Amino acid sequence: LVDLGIFLLPAAILIFPVSYIFGDILTEVYGYGQARRIIWTGFGCNLLAVFVFQLSIALPAAPFWRLGALDSAASQQAYQAVFAVAPRILTASFLAYLAGEFLNSFVMAKMKIRTDGRHLWMRTIGSTVVGQLADSGIFIFLAFYGSVPADALLKMAGSQWLLKSAYEALITPLTYLAVNFLKREEQKDVFDRNTNFNPLRWKD
């Protein structure tokens, strides 16, 4: 957790909003169905990474292995402290990821139909506001409830939601460039008028 005065945030704020930008681009150009497959693929990759990290921790460390000035036992403890994942944090992260990403793509696709493809900035920012609200609220509450004071929970969730949404707004010009480039090169501009929005489907 990082304390930035009025903001209290997980360090993931540095990179996580980028996934929403890619989600917006995928949904805008290729449609909700393709974005849905990418969301589940990302989930699978995260799950695999967690499994590999836990397996690497369980494997016996070589007696001569050292991290800097630490002995072997301390080195293994340090490795475990960095790569071990608490079940509660993992569950909160995965549920928040799925809820936030799917809401982001759903709102993006529906707004595209409603606006007839106009006002891309409104769709990217609007979908992110909704998706990040779900993501931030679910993760912070499930991960830290009971271990962090209630006022700090609200501050953390609000800080994440506000800054991630602001991040999306600031990066909008680059989103426009990426979307316009892909539409021109791929000759695609999908409208999800007949799409089944069930997040559990793989194929359209």
N, C-alpha and C. Protein backbone atom coordinates (compact mmCIF):
# COMPACT_ATOMS: atom_id res chain seq x y z
N LEU A 1 0.83 -1.19 0.00
CA LEU A 1 0.00 0.00 0.00
C LEU A 1 0.87 1.25 0.00
N VAL A 2 0.49 2.22 -0.77
CA VAL A 2 1.25 3.46 -0.92
C VAL A 2 0.43 4.62 -0.38
N ASP A 3 1.05 5.43 0.47
CA ASP A 3 0.37 6.59 1.05
C ASP A 3 0.83 7.84 0.32
N LEU A 4 -0.12 8.46 -0.42
CA LEU A 4 0.18 9.68 -1.16
C LEU A 4 -0.65 10.84 -0.62
N GLY A 5 -0.58 11.02 0.68
CA GLY A 5 -1.32 12.12 1.30
C GLY A 5 -2.80 11.81 1.37
N ILE A 6 -3.59 12.46 0.51
CA ILE A 6 -5.03 12.23 0.52
C ILE A 6 -5.41 10.91 -0.16
N PHE A 7 -4.45 10.29 -0.85
CA PHE A 7 -4.71 9.03 -1.54
C PHE A 7 -3.98 7.88 -0.85
N LEU A 8 -4.69 6.74 -0.69
CA LEU A 8 -4.11 5.52 -0.14
C LEU A 8 -4.37 4.42 -1.16
N LEU A 9 -3.29 3.89 -1.76
CA LEU A 9 -3.44 3.04 -2.94
C LEU A 9 -2.54 1.82 -2.91
N PRO A 10 -2.97 0.71 -3.53
CA PRO A 10 -2.04 -0.38 -3.81
C PRO A 10 -1.06 0.06 -4.90
N ALA A 11 0.15 -0.46 -4.87
CA ALA A 11 1.15 -0.08 -5.87
C ALA A 11 0.74 -0.49 -7.28
N ALA A 12 -0.22 -1.41 -7.41
CA ALA A 12 -0.69 -1.85 -8.73
C ALA A 12 -1.31 -0.72 -9.53
N ILE A 13 -1.59 0.42 -8.90
CA ILE A 13 -2.15 1.56 -9.61
C ILE A 13 -1.23 2.00 -10.75
N LEU A 14 0.07 1.65 -10.65
CA LEU A 14 1.03 2.06 -11.67
C LEU A 14 0.77 1.40 -13.02
N ILE A 15 0.25 0.16 -13.01
CA ILE A 15 0.12 -0.58 -14.26
C ILE A 15 -1.29 -1.08 -14.54
N PHE A 16 -2.09 -1.35 -13.50
CA PHE A 16 -3.37 -2.02 -13.71
C PHE A 16 -4.34 -1.27 -14.62
N PRO A 17 -4.42 0.08 -14.54
CA PRO A 17 -5.37 0.77 -15.44
C PRO A 17 -5.13 0.52 -16.91
N VAL A 18 -3.90 0.12 -17.27
CA VAL A 18 -3.60 -0.15 -18.68
C VAL A 18 -4.48 -1.27 -19.22
N SER A 19 -4.83 -2.23 -18.36
CA SER A 19 -5.67 -3.34 -18.82
C SER A 19 -7.04 -2.84 -19.26
N TYR A 20 -7.54 -1.79 -18.63
CA TYR A 20 -8.83 -1.23 -19.03
C TYR A 20 -8.72 -0.50 -20.36
N ILE A 21 -7.60 0.13 -20.59
CA ILE A 21 -7.39 0.81 -21.87
C ILE A 21 -7.37 -0.21 -23.00
N PHE A 22 -6.64 -1.32 -22.79
CA PHE A 22 -6.63 -2.38 -23.80
C PHE A 22 -8.02 -2.98 -23.96
N GLY A 23 -8.74 -3.13 -22.85
CA GLY A 23 -10.11 -3.65 -22.92
C GLY A 23 -11.01 -2.75 -23.74
N ASP A 24 -10.88 -1.44 -23.57
CA ASP A 24 -11.66 -0.49 -24.36
C ASP A 24 -11.34 -0.61 -25.84
N ILE A 25 -10.06 -0.70 -26.15
CA ILE A 25 -9.64 -0.79 -27.56
C ILE A 25 -10.17 -2.08 -28.19
N LEU A 26 -10.02 -3.20 -27.47
CA LEU A 26 -10.51 -4.49 -28.00
C LEU A 26 -12.01 -4.46 -28.24
N THR A 27 -12.76 -3.96 -27.27
CA THR A 27 -14.22 -3.93 -27.40
C THR A 27 -14.65 -3.00 -28.51
N GLU A 28 -14.02 -1.85 -28.60
CA GLU A 28 -14.39 -0.87 -29.61
C GLU A 28 -14.15 -1.39 -31.02
N VAL A 29 -13.03 -2.04 -31.25
CA VAL A 29 -12.66 -2.47 -32.60
C VAL A 29 -13.21 -3.85 -32.93
N TYR A 30 -13.02 -4.82 -32.01
CA TYR A 30 -13.34 -6.21 -32.30
C TYR A 30 -14.63 -6.71 -31.67
N GLY A 31 -15.21 -5.95 -30.75
CA GLY A 31 -16.47 -6.33 -30.15
C GLY A 31 -16.33 -7.05 -28.82
N TYR A 32 -17.46 -7.16 -28.14
CA TYR A 32 -17.50 -7.76 -26.80
C TYR A 32 -17.07 -9.22 -26.81
N GLY A 33 -17.46 -9.98 -27.84
CA GLY A 33 -17.10 -11.39 -27.89
C GLY A 33 -15.61 -11.63 -27.86
N GLN A 34 -14.87 -10.85 -28.64
CA GLN A 34 -13.42 -10.99 -28.65
C GLN A 34 -12.82 -10.52 -27.33
N ALA A 35 -13.34 -9.42 -26.79
CA ALA A 35 -12.85 -8.93 -25.50
C ALA A 35 -13.10 -9.97 -24.41
N ARG A 36 -14.24 -10.65 -24.47
CA ARG A 36 -14.57 -11.68 -23.48
C ARG A 36 -13.52 -12.80 -23.51
N ARG A 37 -13.12 -13.23 -24.69
CA ARG A 37 -12.09 -14.28 -24.79
C ARG A 37 -10.76 -13.82 -24.23
N ILE A 38 -10.43 -12.56 -24.48
CA ILE A 38 -9.18 -12.02 -23.95
C ILE A 38 -9.23 -11.92 -22.43
N ILE A 39 -10.37 -11.53 -21.88
CA ILE A 39 -10.51 -11.44 -20.42
C ILE A 39 -10.30 -12.81 -19.78
N TRP A 40 -10.93 -13.83 -20.35
CA TRP A 40 -10.75 -15.19 -19.80
C TRP A 40 -9.34 -15.71 -20.01
N THR A 41 -8.72 -15.35 -21.12
CA THR A 41 -7.32 -15.74 -21.35
C THR A 41 -6.42 -15.09 -20.32
N GLY A 42 -6.64 -13.80 -20.05
CA GLY A 42 -5.86 -13.12 -19.02
C GLY A 42 -6.05 -13.74 -17.65
N PHE A 43 -7.29 -14.11 -17.35
CA PHE A 43 -7.58 -14.79 -16.08
C PHE A 43 -6.82 -16.10 -15.99
N GLY A 44 -6.82 -16.88 -17.08
CA GLY A 44 -6.10 -18.15 -17.10
C GLY A 44 -4.60 -17.95 -16.91
N CYS A 45 -4.04 -16.93 -17.54
CA CYS A 45 -2.61 -16.64 -17.40
C CYS A 45 -2.27 -16.27 -15.96
N ASN A 46 -3.13 -15.46 -15.33
CA ASN A 46 -2.91 -15.10 -13.93
C ASN A 46 -2.96 -16.33 -13.03
N LEU A 47 -3.92 -17.21 -13.29
CA LEU A 47 -4.07 -18.42 -12.50
C LEU A 47 -2.84 -19.31 -12.65
N LEU A 48 -2.34 -19.44 -13.88
CA LEU A 48 -1.15 -20.24 -14.13
C LEU A 48 0.06 -19.64 -13.41
N ALA A 49 0.19 -18.31 -13.46
CA ALA A 49 1.33 -17.65 -12.80
C ALA A 49 1.29 -17.90 -11.29
N VAL A 50 0.11 -17.80 -10.69
CA VAL A 50 -0.02 -18.05 -9.26
C VAL A 50 0.37 -19.49 -8.93
N PHE A 51 -0.08 -20.43 -9.75
CA PHE A 51 0.24 -21.85 -9.53
C PHE A 51 1.76 -22.07 -9.59
N VAL A 52 2.40 -21.47 -10.58
CA VAL A 52 3.85 -21.64 -10.73
C VAL A 52 4.59 -21.02 -9.55
N PHE A 53 4.17 -19.83 -9.10
CA PHE A 53 4.81 -19.19 -7.96
C PHE A 53 4.69 -20.06 -6.70
N GLN A 54 3.49 -20.61 -6.47
CA GLN A 54 3.29 -21.44 -5.28
C GLN A 54 4.11 -22.72 -5.37
N LEU A 55 4.20 -23.28 -6.57
CA LEU A 55 5.01 -24.49 -6.75
C LEU A 55 6.48 -24.20 -6.52
N SER A 56 6.96 -23.05 -7.00
CA SER A 56 8.37 -22.71 -6.82
C SER A 56 8.71 -22.51 -5.35
N ILE A 57 7.75 -22.01 -4.57
CA ILE A 57 7.96 -21.82 -3.13
C ILE A 57 8.05 -23.18 -2.43
N ALA A 58 7.21 -24.12 -2.88
CA ALA A 58 7.17 -25.43 -2.25
C ALA A 58 8.41 -26.28 -2.54
N LEU A 59 9.08 -26.00 -3.63
CA LEU A 59 10.28 -26.78 -3.98
C LEU A 59 11.40 -26.49 -2.98
N PRO A 60 12.22 -27.51 -2.64
CA PRO A 60 13.30 -27.29 -1.67
C PRO A 60 14.39 -26.39 -2.24
N ALA A 61 14.83 -25.45 -1.43
CA ALA A 61 15.88 -24.51 -1.86
C ALA A 61 17.25 -25.16 -1.74
N ALA A 62 18.13 -24.83 -2.66
CA ALA A 62 19.50 -25.32 -2.59
C ALA A 62 20.19 -24.72 -1.37
N PRO A 63 20.98 -25.49 -0.62
CA PRO A 63 21.59 -25.00 0.61
C PRO A 63 22.57 -23.85 0.40
N PHE A 64 23.11 -23.71 -0.80
CA PHE A 64 24.08 -22.65 -1.07
C PHE A 64 23.44 -21.40 -1.68
N TRP A 65 22.10 -21.44 -1.85
CA TRP A 65 21.41 -20.31 -2.48
C TRP A 65 21.38 -19.12 -1.54
N ARG A 66 21.74 -17.95 -2.03
CA ARG A 66 21.79 -16.74 -1.21
C ARG A 66 21.16 -15.56 -1.95
N LEU A 67 20.53 -14.68 -1.18
CA LEU A 67 20.08 -13.39 -1.68
C LEU A 67 20.89 -12.32 -0.95
N GLY A 68 21.88 -11.79 -1.63
CA GLY A 68 22.73 -10.79 -1.00
C GLY A 68 23.44 -11.34 0.22
N ALA A 69 23.29 -10.65 1.36
CA ALA A 69 23.99 -11.05 2.58
C ALA A 69 23.18 -12.05 3.40
N LEU A 70 21.98 -12.42 2.95
CA LEU A 70 21.14 -13.34 3.70
C LEU A 70 21.64 -14.78 3.58
N ASP A 71 21.44 -15.55 4.65
CA ASP A 71 21.77 -16.97 4.55
C ASP A 71 20.67 -17.68 3.77
N SER A 72 20.80 -18.99 3.57
CA SER A 72 19.88 -19.73 2.74
C SER A 72 18.45 -19.71 3.29
N ALA A 73 18.29 -19.92 4.59
CA ALA A 73 16.96 -19.95 5.19
C ALA A 73 16.28 -18.58 5.07
N ALA A 74 17.04 -17.52 5.36
CA ALA A 74 16.48 -16.16 5.26
C ALA A 74 16.17 -15.80 3.80
N SER A 75 16.99 -16.31 2.90
CA SER A 75 16.74 -16.06 1.48
C SER A 75 15.43 -16.71 1.04
N GLN A 76 15.20 -17.94 1.51
CA GLN A 76 13.96 -18.62 1.16
C GLN A 76 12.75 -17.90 1.76
N GLN A 77 12.89 -17.39 2.98
CA GLN A 77 11.80 -16.63 3.60
C GLN A 77 11.50 -15.35 2.82
N ALA A 78 12.56 -14.69 2.38
CA ALA A 78 12.38 -13.47 1.60
C ALA A 78 11.69 -13.77 0.26
N TYR A 79 12.11 -14.86 -0.38
CA TYR A 79 11.51 -15.27 -1.65
C TYR A 79 10.02 -15.56 -1.46
N GLN A 80 9.71 -16.27 -0.38
CA GLN A 80 8.33 -16.61 -0.09
C GLN A 80 7.51 -15.36 0.23
N ALA A 81 8.09 -14.42 0.94
CA ALA A 81 7.38 -13.18 1.28
C ALA A 81 7.00 -12.40 0.03
N VAL A 82 7.86 -12.45 -0.99
CA VAL A 82 7.61 -11.71 -2.22
C VAL A 82 6.60 -12.42 -3.12
N PHE A 83 6.75 -13.74 -3.27
CA PHE A 83 5.95 -14.45 -4.27
C PHE A 83 4.75 -15.20 -3.72
N ALA A 84 4.67 -15.39 -2.43
CA ALA A 84 3.51 -16.09 -1.87
C ALA A 84 2.26 -15.21 -2.00
N VAL A 85 1.14 -15.84 -2.23
CA VAL A 85 -0.12 -15.11 -2.38
C VAL A 85 -1.09 -15.60 -1.32
N ALA A 86 -1.59 -14.67 -0.51
CA ALA A 86 -2.59 -15.02 0.49
C ALA A 86 -3.89 -15.37 -0.22
N PRO A 87 -4.54 -16.47 0.18
CA PRO A 87 -5.79 -16.87 -0.50
C PRO A 87 -6.83 -15.76 -0.55
N ARG A 88 -6.93 -14.99 0.52
CA ARG A 88 -7.92 -13.91 0.56
C ARG A 88 -7.62 -12.84 -0.49
N ILE A 89 -6.36 -12.43 -0.58
CA ILE A 89 -5.97 -11.41 -1.56
C ILE A 89 -6.16 -11.95 -2.97
N LEU A 90 -5.80 -13.20 -3.18
CA LEU A 90 -5.93 -13.82 -4.49
C LEU A 90 -7.40 -13.87 -4.92
N THR A 91 -8.27 -14.32 -4.03
CA THR A 91 -9.70 -14.40 -4.34
C THR A 91 -10.26 -13.02 -4.65
N ALA A 92 -9.91 -12.04 -3.82
CA ALA A 92 -10.39 -10.67 -4.03
C ALA A 92 -9.91 -10.14 -5.38
N SER A 93 -8.66 -10.40 -5.71
CA SER A 93 -8.09 -9.91 -6.95
C SER A 93 -8.77 -10.52 -8.16
N PHE A 94 -8.98 -11.84 -8.14
CA PHE A 94 -9.59 -12.52 -9.26
C PHE A 94 -11.05 -12.09 -9.47
N LEU A 95 -11.81 -12.00 -8.37
CA LEU A 95 -13.21 -11.60 -8.49
C LEU A 95 -13.33 -10.15 -8.97
N ALA A 96 -12.48 -9.29 -8.44
CA ALA A 96 -12.50 -7.89 -8.86
C ALA A 96 -12.12 -7.75 -10.33
N TYR A 97 -11.13 -8.51 -10.76
CA TYR A 97 -10.68 -8.49 -12.16
C TYR A 97 -11.83 -8.87 -13.09
N LEU A 98 -12.48 -10.00 -12.79
CA LEU A 98 -13.55 -10.47 -13.67
C LEU A 98 -14.73 -9.49 -13.70
N ALA A 99 -15.17 -9.04 -12.52
CA ALA A 99 -16.30 -8.12 -12.46
C ALA A 99 -15.99 -6.81 -13.17
N GLY A 100 -14.81 -6.25 -12.88
CA GLY A 100 -14.46 -4.97 -13.47
C GLY A 100 -14.27 -5.02 -14.97
N GLU A 101 -13.56 -6.04 -15.45
CA GLU A 101 -13.28 -6.15 -16.88
C GLU A 101 -14.55 -6.40 -17.68
N PHE A 102 -15.39 -7.31 -17.18
CA PHE A 102 -16.62 -7.60 -17.93
C PHE A 102 -17.58 -6.42 -17.92
N LEU A 103 -17.70 -5.73 -16.79
CA LEU A 103 -18.54 -4.54 -16.76
C LEU A 103 -18.02 -3.46 -17.70
N ASN A 104 -16.72 -3.29 -17.72
CA ASN A 104 -16.11 -2.29 -18.60
C ASN A 104 -16.45 -2.58 -20.06
N SER A 105 -16.27 -3.83 -20.49
CA SER A 105 -16.54 -4.19 -21.88
C SER A 105 -18.03 -4.13 -22.20
N PHE A 106 -18.86 -4.57 -21.25
CA PHE A 106 -20.31 -4.54 -21.46
C PHE A 106 -20.81 -3.11 -21.65
N VAL A 107 -20.41 -2.22 -20.76
CA VAL A 107 -20.84 -0.83 -20.85
C VAL A 107 -20.31 -0.18 -22.12
N MET A 108 -19.07 -0.49 -22.46
CA MET A 108 -18.46 0.06 -23.68
C MET A 108 -19.26 -0.36 -24.92
N ALA A 109 -19.60 -1.65 -25.00
CA ALA A 109 -20.32 -2.16 -26.16
C ALA A 109 -21.73 -1.57 -26.23
N LYS A 110 -22.43 -1.51 -25.10
CA LYS A 110 -23.78 -0.98 -25.09
C LYS A 110 -23.81 0.51 -25.42
N MET A 111 -22.84 1.26 -24.91
CA MET A 111 -22.78 2.70 -25.21
C MET A 111 -22.46 2.94 -26.68
N LYS A 112 -21.69 2.05 -27.27
CA LYS A 112 -21.36 2.20 -28.70
C LYS A 112 -22.63 2.08 -29.54
N ILE A 113 -23.50 1.13 -29.18
CA ILE A 113 -24.76 0.98 -29.90
C ILE A 113 -25.64 2.21 -29.67
N ARG A 114 -25.74 2.63 -28.42
CA ARG A 114 -26.61 3.76 -28.08
C ARG A 114 -26.16 5.06 -28.76
N THR A 115 -24.85 5.25 -28.89
CA THR A 115 -24.35 6.49 -29.51
C THR A 115 -24.09 6.33 -31.00
N ASP A 116 -24.39 5.13 -31.53
CA ASP A 116 -24.17 4.84 -32.95
C ASP A 116 -22.70 5.07 -33.34
N GLY A 117 -21.81 4.70 -32.43
CA GLY A 117 -20.38 4.76 -32.71
C GLY A 117 -19.75 6.12 -32.53
N ARG A 118 -20.51 7.09 -32.07
CA ARG A 118 -19.95 8.43 -31.88
C ARG A 118 -19.43 8.60 -30.45
N HIS A 119 -18.67 9.65 -30.23
CA HIS A 119 -18.22 10.05 -28.90
C HIS A 119 -17.42 8.94 -28.20
N LEU A 120 -16.34 8.51 -28.82
CA LEU A 120 -15.51 7.46 -28.25
C LEU A 120 -15.03 7.84 -26.85
N TRP A 121 -14.69 9.11 -26.65
CA TRP A 121 -14.20 9.54 -25.33
C TRP A 121 -15.23 9.28 -24.24
N MET A 122 -16.50 9.49 -24.57
CA MET A 122 -17.56 9.27 -23.60
C MET A 122 -17.66 7.78 -23.23
N ARG A 123 -17.48 6.93 -24.23
CA ARG A 123 -17.58 5.49 -23.99
C ARG A 123 -16.40 4.96 -23.19
N THR A 124 -15.20 5.40 -23.53
CA THR A 124 -14.02 4.88 -22.82
C THR A 124 -14.03 5.34 -21.36
N ILE A 125 -14.33 6.60 -21.14
CA ILE A 125 -14.34 7.11 -19.77
C ILE A 125 -15.53 6.55 -18.99
N GLY A 126 -16.70 6.54 -19.61
CA GLY A 126 -17.89 6.05 -18.93
C GLY A 126 -17.78 4.58 -18.54
N SER A 127 -17.27 3.75 -19.44
CA SER A 127 -17.13 2.32 -19.14
C SER A 127 -16.08 2.10 -18.05
N THR A 128 -15.03 2.89 -18.07
CA THR A 128 -13.99 2.75 -17.05
C THR A 128 -14.51 3.18 -15.68
N VAL A 129 -15.29 4.23 -15.63
CA VAL A 129 -15.86 4.68 -14.35
C VAL A 129 -16.68 3.55 -13.72
N VAL A 130 -17.50 2.87 -14.53
CA VAL A 130 -18.32 1.77 -14.02
C VAL A 130 -17.46 0.56 -13.65
N GLY A 131 -16.59 0.15 -14.57
CA GLY A 131 -15.75 -1.03 -14.32
C GLY A 131 -14.81 -0.85 -13.14
N GLN A 132 -14.20 0.32 -13.05
CA GLN A 132 -13.26 0.56 -11.96
C GLN A 132 -13.96 0.71 -10.62
N LEU A 133 -15.20 1.20 -10.63
CA LEU A 133 -15.96 1.27 -9.39
C LEU A 133 -16.19 -0.13 -8.83
N ALA A 134 -16.58 -1.05 -9.70
CA ALA A 134 -16.77 -2.44 -9.27
C ALA A 134 -15.45 -3.07 -8.85
N ASP A 135 -14.43 -2.88 -9.66
CA ASP A 135 -13.12 -3.48 -9.38
C ASP A 135 -12.56 -2.99 -8.05
N SER A 136 -12.54 -1.69 -7.87
CA SER A 136 -11.96 -1.11 -6.65
C SER A 136 -12.75 -1.50 -5.42
N GLY A 137 -14.08 -1.41 -5.51
CA GLY A 137 -14.91 -1.73 -4.36
C GLY A 137 -14.80 -3.18 -3.95
N ILE A 138 -14.87 -4.09 -4.93
CA ILE A 138 -14.79 -5.53 -4.63
C ILE A 138 -13.44 -5.89 -4.05
N PHE A 139 -12.36 -5.43 -4.70
CA PHE A 139 -11.03 -5.82 -4.24
C PHE A 139 -10.73 -5.28 -2.84
N ILE A 140 -10.93 -4.01 -2.64
CA ILE A 140 -10.60 -3.40 -1.35
C ILE A 140 -11.42 -4.02 -0.23
N PHE A 141 -12.72 -4.19 -0.44
CA PHE A 141 -13.57 -4.74 0.62
C PHE A 141 -13.19 -6.19 0.93
N LEU A 142 -13.06 -7.03 -0.10
CA LEU A 142 -12.77 -8.44 0.15
C LEU A 142 -11.35 -8.66 0.67
N ALA A 143 -10.42 -7.85 0.21
CA ALA A 143 -9.02 -8.06 0.58
C ALA A 143 -8.68 -7.51 1.96
N PHE A 144 -9.32 -6.40 2.36
CA PHE A 144 -8.84 -5.71 3.56
C PHE A 144 -9.88 -5.51 4.66
N TYR A 145 -11.13 -5.92 4.41
CA TYR A 145 -12.16 -5.73 5.44
C TYR A 145 -11.78 -6.50 6.71
N GLY A 146 -11.84 -5.82 7.84
CA GLY A 146 -11.50 -6.45 9.11
C GLY A 146 -10.05 -6.25 9.52
N SER A 147 -9.19 -5.97 8.55
CA SER A 147 -7.78 -5.76 8.87
C SER A 147 -7.36 -4.30 8.69
N VAL A 148 -8.24 -3.50 8.10
CA VAL A 148 -7.99 -2.08 7.86
C VAL A 148 -9.20 -1.32 8.39
N PRO A 149 -8.99 -0.18 9.07
CA PRO A 149 -10.13 0.60 9.56
C PRO A 149 -11.11 0.96 8.46
N ALA A 150 -12.40 1.04 8.83
CA ALA A 150 -13.44 1.28 7.83
C ALA A 150 -13.22 2.58 7.05
N ASP A 151 -12.78 3.64 7.72
CA ASP A 151 -12.56 4.91 7.01
C ASP A 151 -11.41 4.78 6.01
N ALA A 152 -10.41 3.95 6.37
CA ALA A 152 -9.29 3.72 5.44
C ALA A 152 -9.76 2.90 4.23
N LEU A 153 -10.68 1.94 4.46
CA LEU A 153 -11.23 1.15 3.35
C LEU A 153 -11.89 2.07 2.33
N LEU A 154 -12.71 2.98 2.80
CA LEU A 154 -13.39 3.90 1.90
C LEU A 154 -12.40 4.80 1.18
N LYS A 155 -11.39 5.24 1.91
CA LYS A 155 -10.37 6.09 1.30
C LYS A 155 -9.61 5.34 0.22
N MET A 156 -9.27 4.07 0.50
CA MET A 156 -8.54 3.26 -0.46
C MET A 156 -9.37 3.01 -1.72
N ALA A 157 -10.62 2.60 -1.53
CA ALA A 157 -11.49 2.31 -2.68
C ALA A 157 -11.74 3.57 -3.50
N GLY A 158 -12.03 4.67 -2.81
CA GLY A 158 -12.27 5.93 -3.51
C GLY A 158 -11.05 6.43 -4.24
N SER A 159 -9.88 6.29 -3.61
CA SER A 159 -8.64 6.73 -4.24
C SER A 159 -8.36 5.95 -5.52
N GLN A 160 -8.50 4.62 -5.43
CA GLN A 160 -8.28 3.78 -6.61
C GLN A 160 -9.23 4.16 -7.74
N TRP A 161 -10.51 4.25 -7.39
CA TRP A 161 -11.51 4.52 -8.41
C TRP A 161 -11.25 5.87 -9.08
N LEU A 162 -10.97 6.89 -8.29
CA LEU A 162 -10.76 8.23 -8.83
C LEU A 162 -9.52 8.30 -9.71
N LEU A 163 -8.40 7.77 -9.23
CA LEU A 163 -7.16 7.90 -9.99
C LEU A 163 -7.14 7.01 -11.23
N LYS A 164 -7.73 5.80 -11.13
CA LYS A 164 -7.78 4.94 -12.31
C LYS A 164 -8.67 5.55 -13.39
N SER A 165 -9.77 6.16 -12.99
CA SER A 165 -10.65 6.81 -13.96
C SER A 165 -9.97 8.03 -14.57
N ALA A 166 -9.24 8.78 -13.74
CA ALA A 166 -8.50 9.94 -14.25
C ALA A 166 -7.41 9.51 -15.23
N TYR A 167 -6.77 8.39 -14.92
CA TYR A 167 -5.75 7.81 -15.80
C TYR A 167 -6.34 7.56 -17.18
N GLU A 168 -7.53 6.94 -17.21
CA GLU A 168 -8.21 6.66 -18.48
C GLU A 168 -8.50 7.95 -19.23
N ALA A 169 -8.97 8.96 -18.52
CA ALA A 169 -9.30 10.22 -19.17
C ALA A 169 -8.05 10.87 -19.78
N LEU A 170 -6.95 10.84 -19.05
CA LEU A 170 -5.71 11.47 -19.54
C LEU A 170 -5.14 10.76 -20.75
N ILE A 171 -5.35 9.45 -20.81
CA ILE A 171 -4.76 8.66 -21.89
C ILE A 171 -5.68 8.59 -23.11
N THR A 172 -6.83 9.25 -23.05
CA THR A 172 -7.81 9.17 -24.14
C THR A 172 -7.24 9.51 -25.52
N PRO A 173 -6.40 10.53 -25.66
CA PRO A 173 -5.84 10.80 -27.00
C PRO A 173 -5.07 9.61 -27.58
N LEU A 174 -4.34 8.88 -26.74
CA LEU A 174 -3.62 7.70 -27.23
C LEU A 174 -4.58 6.57 -27.58
N THR A 175 -5.68 6.47 -26.83
CA THR A 175 -6.70 5.48 -27.14
C THR A 175 -7.30 5.76 -28.51
N TYR A 176 -7.57 7.03 -28.79
CA TYR A 176 -8.08 7.42 -30.11
C TYR A 176 -7.12 7.00 -31.22
N LEU A 177 -5.83 7.25 -31.01
CA LEU A 177 -4.84 6.90 -32.03
C LEU A 177 -4.83 5.40 -32.28
N ALA A 178 -4.84 4.60 -31.20
CA ALA A 178 -4.80 3.14 -31.33
C ALA A 178 -6.07 2.62 -32.02
N VAL A 179 -7.23 3.13 -31.60
CA VAL A 179 -8.50 2.69 -32.19
C VAL A 179 -8.56 3.03 -33.67
N ASN A 180 -8.23 4.25 -34.02
CA ASN A 180 -8.30 4.66 -35.42
C ASN A 180 -7.32 3.87 -36.28
N PHE A 181 -6.13 3.61 -35.75
CA PHE A 181 -5.14 2.82 -36.49
C PHE A 181 -5.65 1.41 -36.74
N LEU A 182 -6.18 0.76 -35.71
CA LEU A 182 -6.64 -0.62 -35.85
C LEU A 182 -7.86 -0.72 -36.76
N LYS A 183 -8.78 0.21 -36.65
CA LYS A 183 -9.95 0.17 -37.53
C LYS A 183 -9.53 0.32 -38.99
N ARG A 184 -8.56 1.17 -39.23
CA ARG A 184 -8.09 1.39 -40.59
C ARG A 184 -7.33 0.18 -41.13
N GLU A 185 -6.44 -0.38 -40.30
CA GLU A 185 -5.60 -1.49 -40.75
C GLU A 185 -6.37 -2.81 -40.79
N GLU A 186 -7.24 -3.04 -39.81
CA GLU A 186 -7.95 -4.31 -39.72
C GLU A 186 -9.28 -4.30 -40.48
N GLN A 187 -9.72 -3.09 -40.87
CA GLN A 187 -11.01 -2.95 -41.53
C GLN A 187 -12.13 -3.56 -40.69
N LYS A 188 -12.08 -3.27 -39.39
CA LYS A 188 -13.08 -3.77 -38.44
C LYS A 188 -13.63 -2.63 -37.61
N ASP A 189 -14.91 -2.73 -37.32
CA ASP A 189 -15.56 -1.78 -36.42
C ASP A 189 -16.86 -2.45 -35.96
N VAL A 190 -16.74 -3.35 -35.00
CA VAL A 190 -17.85 -4.23 -34.61
C VAL A 190 -18.86 -3.50 -33.73
N PHE A 191 -20.13 -3.67 -34.06
CA PHE A 191 -21.23 -3.23 -33.22
C PHE A 191 -21.91 -4.48 -32.66
N ASP A 192 -22.07 -4.54 -31.35
CA ASP A 192 -22.58 -5.75 -30.71
C ASP A 192 -24.11 -5.76 -30.61
N ARG A 193 -24.78 -5.55 -31.74
CA ARG A 193 -26.24 -5.49 -31.71
C ARG A 193 -26.89 -6.85 -31.49
N ASN A 194 -26.23 -7.92 -31.93
CA ASN A 194 -26.80 -9.26 -31.79
C ASN A 194 -25.94 -10.15 -30.90
N THR A 195 -25.14 -9.54 -30.06
CA THR A 195 -24.21 -10.29 -29.22
C THR A 195 -24.88 -10.83 -27.97
N ASN A 196 -24.54 -12.07 -27.62
CA ASN A 196 -24.95 -12.63 -26.33
C ASN A 196 -23.91 -12.17 -25.31
N PHE A 197 -24.33 -11.41 -24.31
CA PHE A 197 -23.39 -10.80 -23.37
C PHE A 197 -23.12 -11.67 -22.14
N ASN A 198 -23.50 -12.93 -22.19
CA ASN A 198 -23.21 -13.84 -21.10
C ASN A 198 -21.68 -13.94 -20.93
N PRO A 199 -21.14 -13.55 -19.78
CA PRO A 199 -19.67 -13.57 -19.63
C PRO A 199 -19.08 -14.98 -19.58
N LEU A 200 -19.92 -16.00 -19.38
CA LEU A 200 -19.42 -17.38 -19.27
C LEU A 200 -19.27 -18.06 -20.63
N ARG A 201 -19.75 -17.44 -21.68
CA ARG A 201 -19.60 -18.02 -23.02
C ARG A 201 -18.17 -17.83 -23.51
N TRP A 202 -17.73 -18.72 -24.37
CA TRP A 202 -16.43 -18.56 -25.01
C TRP A 202 -16.62 -18.08 -26.45
N LYS A 203 -17.52 -18.74 -27.17
CA LYS A 203 -17.80 -18.36 -28.55
C LYS A 203 -19.05 -17.48 -28.59
N ASP A 204 -19.14 -16.66 -29.65
CA ASP A 204 -20.31 -15.80 -29.83
C ASP A 204 -21.54 -16.64 -30.15
